[in-house]
N, C-alpha and C. Protein backbone atom coordinates (compact mmCIF):
# COMPACT_ATOMS: atom_id res chain seq x y z
N MET A 1 93.90 -4.41 -79.38
CA MET A 1 92.95 -3.33 -79.31
C MET A 1 92.25 -3.08 -80.52
N THR A 2 90.92 -3.01 -80.69
CA THR A 2 90.20 -2.86 -81.95
C THR A 2 89.60 -1.34 -81.84
N LYS A 3 89.57 -0.89 -83.11
CA LYS A 3 88.85 0.45 -83.28
C LYS A 3 87.82 0.21 -84.24
N ASN A 4 86.73 1.14 -84.06
CA ASN A 4 85.70 1.06 -85.08
C ASN A 4 85.89 1.96 -86.13
N SER A 5 85.69 1.57 -87.39
CA SER A 5 85.92 2.56 -88.62
C SER A 5 84.48 3.06 -88.86
N PRO A 6 84.45 4.13 -89.66
CA PRO A 6 83.38 4.87 -89.84
C PRO A 6 81.94 3.92 -90.30
N ASN A 7 82.40 2.83 -90.98
CA ASN A 7 81.32 1.83 -91.34
C ASN A 7 80.98 0.93 -90.44
N GLY A 8 81.53 0.92 -89.25
CA GLY A 8 81.06 0.15 -88.12
C GLY A 8 82.01 -1.13 -88.10
N ALA A 9 82.70 -1.31 -88.96
CA ALA A 9 83.73 -2.67 -88.96
C ALA A 9 84.73 -2.62 -87.80
N ASN A 10 85.10 -3.77 -87.28
CA ASN A 10 86.12 -3.98 -86.21
C ASN A 10 87.41 -3.88 -86.97
N ILE A 11 88.34 -3.08 -86.56
CA ILE A 11 89.62 -3.11 -87.15
C ILE A 11 90.52 -3.74 -86.04
N GLY A 12 91.54 -4.53 -86.38
CA GLY A 12 92.41 -5.28 -85.49
C GLY A 12 92.70 -6.59 -85.79
N PHE A 13 92.23 -6.90 -87.17
CA PHE A 13 92.59 -8.39 -87.48
C PHE A 13 93.83 -8.22 -88.61
N GLU A 14 94.48 -7.01 -88.52
CA GLU A 14 95.59 -7.07 -89.50
C GLU A 14 96.59 -8.12 -89.22
N GLN A 15 97.01 -8.35 -88.01
CA GLN A 15 98.04 -9.31 -87.71
C GLN A 15 97.63 -10.84 -88.21
N THR A 16 96.35 -11.10 -87.89
CA THR A 16 95.85 -12.49 -88.48
C THR A 16 95.99 -12.46 -89.88
N LEU A 17 95.50 -11.45 -90.65
CA LEU A 17 95.56 -11.45 -92.09
C LEU A 17 96.74 -11.45 -92.55
N TRP A 18 97.78 -10.66 -91.97
CA TRP A 18 99.12 -10.85 -92.31
C TRP A 18 99.71 -12.16 -92.36
N GLN A 19 99.45 -12.93 -91.02
CA GLN A 19 99.99 -14.30 -90.95
C GLN A 19 99.28 -15.10 -91.95
N ALA A 20 98.05 -15.13 -92.32
CA ALA A 20 97.35 -15.94 -93.26
C ALA A 20 98.20 -15.49 -94.72
N ALA A 21 98.53 -14.39 -94.92
CA ALA A 21 99.18 -14.11 -96.20
C ALA A 21 100.48 -14.65 -96.28
N ASP A 22 101.07 -14.85 -95.21
CA ASP A 22 102.53 -15.31 -95.01
C ASP A 22 102.50 -16.90 -95.53
N LYS A 23 101.41 -17.44 -94.70
CA LYS A 23 101.15 -18.97 -95.17
C LYS A 23 100.92 -19.22 -96.43
N LEU A 24 100.23 -18.45 -97.06
CA LEU A 24 99.71 -18.50 -98.60
C LEU A 24 101.12 -18.38 -99.46
N ARG A 25 101.81 -17.34 -99.17
CA ARG A 25 103.09 -17.17 -99.86
C ARG A 25 103.99 -18.12 -99.73
N SER A 26 104.06 -18.84 -98.72
CA SER A 26 105.14 -20.08 -98.57
C SER A 26 104.65 -21.12 -99.47
N ASN A 27 103.45 -21.29 -99.95
CA ASN A 27 102.90 -22.59 -100.62
C ASN A 27 102.76 -22.07 -102.08
N MET A 28 102.82 -20.95 -102.49
CA MET A 28 102.70 -20.39 -103.89
C MET A 28 103.60 -19.85 -104.48
N ASP A 29 103.65 -19.80 -105.83
CA ASP A 29 104.61 -19.26 -106.57
C ASP A 29 104.05 -17.79 -106.78
N ALA A 30 105.02 -16.78 -106.88
CA ALA A 30 104.61 -15.40 -106.98
C ALA A 30 103.47 -15.16 -108.00
N ALA A 31 103.70 -15.73 -109.11
CA ALA A 31 102.62 -15.59 -110.20
C ALA A 31 101.33 -16.01 -109.76
N GLU A 32 101.17 -17.01 -108.93
CA GLU A 32 99.83 -17.53 -108.63
C GLU A 32 99.41 -16.46 -107.34
N TYR A 33 100.33 -16.12 -106.58
CA TYR A 33 99.88 -15.32 -105.28
C TYR A 33 99.18 -14.12 -105.85
N LYS A 34 99.79 -13.44 -107.05
CA LYS A 34 99.23 -12.16 -107.53
C LYS A 34 97.75 -12.27 -107.84
N HIS A 35 97.25 -13.42 -108.24
CA HIS A 35 95.81 -13.66 -108.58
C HIS A 35 95.07 -13.63 -107.33
N VAL A 36 95.54 -14.18 -106.13
CA VAL A 36 94.90 -14.22 -104.76
C VAL A 36 94.69 -12.83 -104.45
N VAL A 37 95.83 -12.06 -104.44
CA VAL A 37 95.78 -10.67 -104.03
C VAL A 37 94.95 -9.65 -104.77
N LEU A 38 94.97 -9.80 -106.09
CA LEU A 38 94.20 -9.03 -106.95
C LEU A 38 92.73 -9.21 -106.59
N GLY A 39 92.43 -10.65 -106.58
CA GLY A 39 90.95 -10.96 -106.19
C GLY A 39 90.60 -10.20 -104.86
N LEU A 40 91.31 -10.29 -103.87
CA LEU A 40 91.01 -9.77 -102.61
C LEU A 40 90.88 -8.09 -102.73
N ILE A 41 91.67 -7.57 -103.62
CA ILE A 41 91.57 -6.01 -103.69
C ILE A 41 90.42 -5.86 -104.36
N PHE A 42 90.11 -6.47 -105.42
CA PHE A 42 88.63 -6.39 -106.15
C PHE A 42 87.61 -6.42 -105.21
N LEU A 43 87.55 -7.51 -104.25
CA LEU A 43 86.55 -7.59 -103.34
C LEU A 43 86.40 -6.53 -102.34
N LYS A 44 87.51 -6.00 -101.94
CA LYS A 44 87.58 -4.77 -101.04
C LYS A 44 86.97 -3.62 -101.81
N TYR A 45 87.34 -3.44 -102.86
CA TYR A 45 86.69 -2.18 -103.74
C TYR A 45 85.40 -2.43 -103.99
N ILE A 46 84.63 -3.69 -104.20
CA ILE A 46 83.38 -3.79 -104.39
C ILE A 46 82.66 -3.76 -103.09
N SER A 47 83.24 -4.07 -101.95
CA SER A 47 82.71 -3.99 -100.72
C SER A 47 82.53 -2.47 -100.27
N ASP A 48 83.54 -1.72 -100.55
CA ASP A 48 83.57 -0.19 -100.25
C ASP A 48 82.51 0.49 -101.11
N ALA A 49 82.44 0.06 -102.40
CA ALA A 49 81.57 0.65 -103.41
C ALA A 49 80.05 0.46 -102.93
N PHE A 50 79.69 -0.85 -102.45
CA PHE A 50 78.43 -1.01 -102.14
C PHE A 50 78.17 -0.39 -100.75
N SER A 51 78.95 -0.25 -99.81
CA SER A 51 78.94 0.62 -98.51
C SER A 51 78.54 2.19 -98.90
N GLU A 52 79.31 2.54 -99.65
CA GLU A 52 79.00 3.93 -99.97
C GLU A 52 77.59 4.14 -100.63
N LEU A 53 77.24 3.35 -101.71
CA LEU A 53 75.97 3.37 -102.26
C LEU A 53 74.88 3.02 -101.11
N HIS A 54 75.03 2.08 -100.35
CA HIS A 54 74.14 1.77 -99.25
C HIS A 54 73.80 2.99 -98.50
N GLU A 55 74.75 3.64 -98.13
CA GLU A 55 74.68 4.88 -97.18
C GLU A 55 74.12 5.96 -97.89
N ALA A 56 74.40 6.12 -99.20
CA ALA A 56 73.68 7.20 -99.95
C ALA A 56 72.05 6.81 -99.95
N LEU A 57 71.74 5.69 -100.27
CA LEU A 57 70.44 5.15 -100.50
C LEU A 57 69.52 5.45 -99.13
N LYS A 58 70.44 5.12 -97.95
CA LYS A 58 69.62 5.29 -96.69
C LYS A 58 69.32 6.74 -96.27
N LYS A 59 70.28 7.65 -96.95
CA LYS A 59 69.95 9.08 -96.66
C LYS A 59 68.70 9.56 -97.49
N LYS A 60 68.28 8.90 -98.54
CA LYS A 60 67.38 9.43 -99.51
C LYS A 60 66.02 9.10 -98.92
């Protein structure tokens, strides 16, 4: 079952994402894996900041 978030994105991919993360962890050392995770967190932050600014600009 998928739900729509306020920004219109479909939510429901968590299981697939978790399985992909498990596959990465099995092939990487923890020290390497943290770089992957930190990169993904940064991309999520930038995406959220962009969406927020985009919505603010659309309202103007």
